[in-house]
Amino acid sequence: MIYNDLTKIRNAYTAKHEQVILPYSKLTFNVIKVISKKGYTGEVKKDKDKNSNKEYIKVNLKYNDGVPFIHLLKIISKPGQRIYTQYSNLRKYRQGFGDIIISTSKGIMTGEEAQKNKLGGEIICEVF
């Protein structure tokens, strides 16, 4: 589940791990790819365990002199309460230094990309 996986990434940064291995799901993989594309994490790879044939995601974490690149990874939409927005309500997050990850009808993207494409959707998380 995406919520558990984002928490694992946040905890791995707190514990100063170099990488995190997460169970594969399409949603998780796409969200982490968008976060990686924005430069918050290192390389993201999908791989398969040779013994059990289960797929997993390997995420390399980035640090700047021991300080994590992700200062805040906050889950907005939760299983009990989904948060949706229209593209007209999207704005720059943290004066342009942070990003909102949103699930749209055209896929997972940042709030800035969704606003350019005039797409609304479910707000998954905030990254700063």
Protein backbone atom coordinates (compact mmCIF):
# COMPACT_ATOMS: atom_id res chain seq x y z
CA MET A 1 0.00 0.00 0.00
CA ILE A 2 1.31 3.43 -0.91
CA TYR A 3 0.78 4.83 2.58
CA ASN A 4 2.97 2.20 4.23
CA ASP A 5 5.61 2.53 1.55
CA LEU A 6 5.89 6.31 1.94
CA THR A 7 6.23 5.83 5.70
CA LYS A 8 9.01 3.29 5.11
CA ILE A 9 10.88 5.83 2.98
CA ARG A 10 10.45 8.53 5.63
CA ASN A 11 11.68 6.14 8.36
CA ALA A 12 14.66 5.04 6.24
CA TYR A 13 15.74 8.66 5.86
CA THR A 14 15.45 9.12 9.63
CA ALA A 15 17.60 6.01 10.22
CA LYS A 16 20.15 7.18 7.57
CA HIS A 17 19.75 4.09 5.38
CA GLU A 18 21.23 4.17 1.89
CA GLN A 19 18.36 2.31 0.23
CA VAL A 20 14.88 0.97 0.85
CA ILE A 21 13.29 -2.15 -0.59
CA LEU A 22 9.51 -1.98 -0.99
CA PRO A 23 6.98 -4.51 -2.27
CA TYR A 24 5.98 -3.75 -5.85
CA SER A 25 2.72 -2.10 -6.75
CA LYS A 26 2.07 -0.02 -9.84
CA LEU A 27 0.85 2.99 -7.83
CA THR A 28 3.84 2.94 -5.48
CA PHE A 29 6.29 2.59 -8.35
CA ASN A 30 4.77 5.50 -10.28
CA VAL A 31 4.64 7.80 -7.23
CA ILE A 32 8.26 7.07 -6.33
CA LYS A 33 9.33 7.59 -9.97
CA VAL A 34 7.77 11.08 -9.90
CA ILE A 35 9.48 11.84 -6.58
CA SER A 36 12.78 10.60 -8.02
CA LYS A 37 12.33 12.61 -11.22
CA LYS A 38 12.05 15.76 -9.10
CA GLY A 39 15.40 14.87 -7.46
CA TYR A 40 14.28 13.90 -3.96
CA THR A 41 15.60 10.32 -4.19
CA GLY A 42 18.26 8.54 -6.15
CA GLU A 43 17.75 5.72 -8.62
CA VAL A 44 14.50 3.73 -8.50
CA LYS A 45 14.51 0.21 -9.92
CA LYS A 46 11.93 -2.51 -10.24
CA ASP A 47 13.40 -5.97 -9.74
CA LYS A 48 12.29 -9.55 -9.21
CA ASP A 49 13.36 -11.95 -6.47
CA LYS A 50 14.87 -15.04 -8.11
CA ASN A 51 13.70 -17.48 -5.43
CA SER A 52 10.09 -16.42 -4.92
CA ASN A 53 9.42 -14.53 -8.20
CA LYS A 54 8.02 -11.60 -6.21
CA GLU A 55 8.63 -8.13 -7.59
CA TYR A 56 10.02 -5.35 -5.45
CA ILE A 57 11.15 -1.74 -5.76
CA LYS A 58 14.66 -0.68 -4.76
CA VAL A 59 14.93 3.03 -3.90
CA ASN A 60 18.33 4.65 -3.37
CA LEU A 61 18.13 7.55 -0.93
CA LYS A 62 19.95 10.87 -1.41
CA TYR A 63 21.73 12.90 1.25
CA ASN A 64 23.56 16.22 1.19
CA ASP A 65 26.39 16.08 3.77
CA GLY A 66 24.32 13.68 5.89
CA VAL A 67 21.12 15.73 5.59
CA PRO A 68 18.26 13.98 3.75
CA PHE A 69 16.94 15.54 0.55
CA ILE A 70 13.39 14.93 1.78
CA HIS A 71 12.61 17.10 4.81
CA LEU A 72 8.88 16.39 4.78
CA LEU A 73 6.92 13.54 3.22
CA LYS A 74 3.32 14.02 4.31
CA ILE A 75 0.47 11.75 3.24
CA ILE A 76 -2.62 13.80 2.39
CA SER A 77 -5.20 11.34 1.03
CA LYS A 78 -5.80 8.45 3.39
CA PRO A 79 -7.89 5.30 2.96
CA GLY A 80 -10.57 6.72 5.28
CA GLN A 81 -10.62 10.17 3.74
CA ARG A 82 -9.70 10.81 0.11
CA ILE A 83 -8.79 14.39 -0.78
CA TYR A 84 -9.55 15.56 -4.34
CA THR A 85 -8.92 18.90 -6.01
CA GLN A 86 -9.58 20.72 -9.26
CA TYR A 87 -6.69 22.07 -11.29
CA SER A 88 -7.83 25.63 -10.60
CA ASN A 89 -7.25 25.07 -6.85
CA LEU A 90 -3.67 23.86 -7.31
CA ARG A 91 -1.00 26.31 -6.26
CA LYS A 92 2.73 26.33 -5.68
CA TYR A 93 3.61 24.37 -2.58
CA ARG A 94 6.01 25.98 -0.10
CA GLN A 95 6.72 28.93 -2.42
CA GLY A 96 7.84 26.54 -5.17
CA PHE A 97 10.38 24.61 -3.07
CA GLY A 98 8.10 21.62 -2.43
CA ASP A 99 5.83 19.48 -4.58
CA ILE A 100 2.38 17.94 -4.37
CA ILE A 101 2.01 14.49 -5.93
CA ILE A 102 -1.41 14.03 -7.51
CA SER A 103 -3.16 11.09 -9.18
CA THR A 104 -4.97 12.27 -12.32
CA SER A 105 -6.80 10.57 -15.15
CA LYS A 106 -3.55 10.84 -17.17
CA GLY A 107 -1.38 9.24 -14.47
CA ILE A 108 0.66 10.28 -11.47
CA MET A 109 2.25 13.74 -11.69
CA THR A 110 3.24 16.77 -9.67
CA GLY A 111 0.73 19.51 -8.95
CA GLU A 112 2.62 21.84 -11.28
CA GLU A 113 2.32 19.39 -14.20
CA ALA A 114 -1.36 18.80 -13.41
CA GLN A 115 -2.03 22.54 -13.44
CA LYS A 116 -0.27 22.93 -16.82
CA ASN A 117 -2.33 20.05 -18.25
CA LYS A 118 -5.51 21.39 -16.58
CA LEU A 119 -6.12 18.16 -14.69
CA GLY A 120 -7.46 17.63 -11.19
CA GLY A 121 -7.41 14.49 -9.12
CA GLU A 122 -6.57 12.89 -5.80
CA ILE A 123 -3.76 14.49 -3.80
CA ILE A 124 -1.55 11.64 -2.63
CA CYS A 125 1.23 13.40 -0.71
CA GLU A 126 3.37 16.49 -0.21
CA VAL A 127 7.15 16.38 -0.59
CA PHE A 128 9.53 19.05 0.64
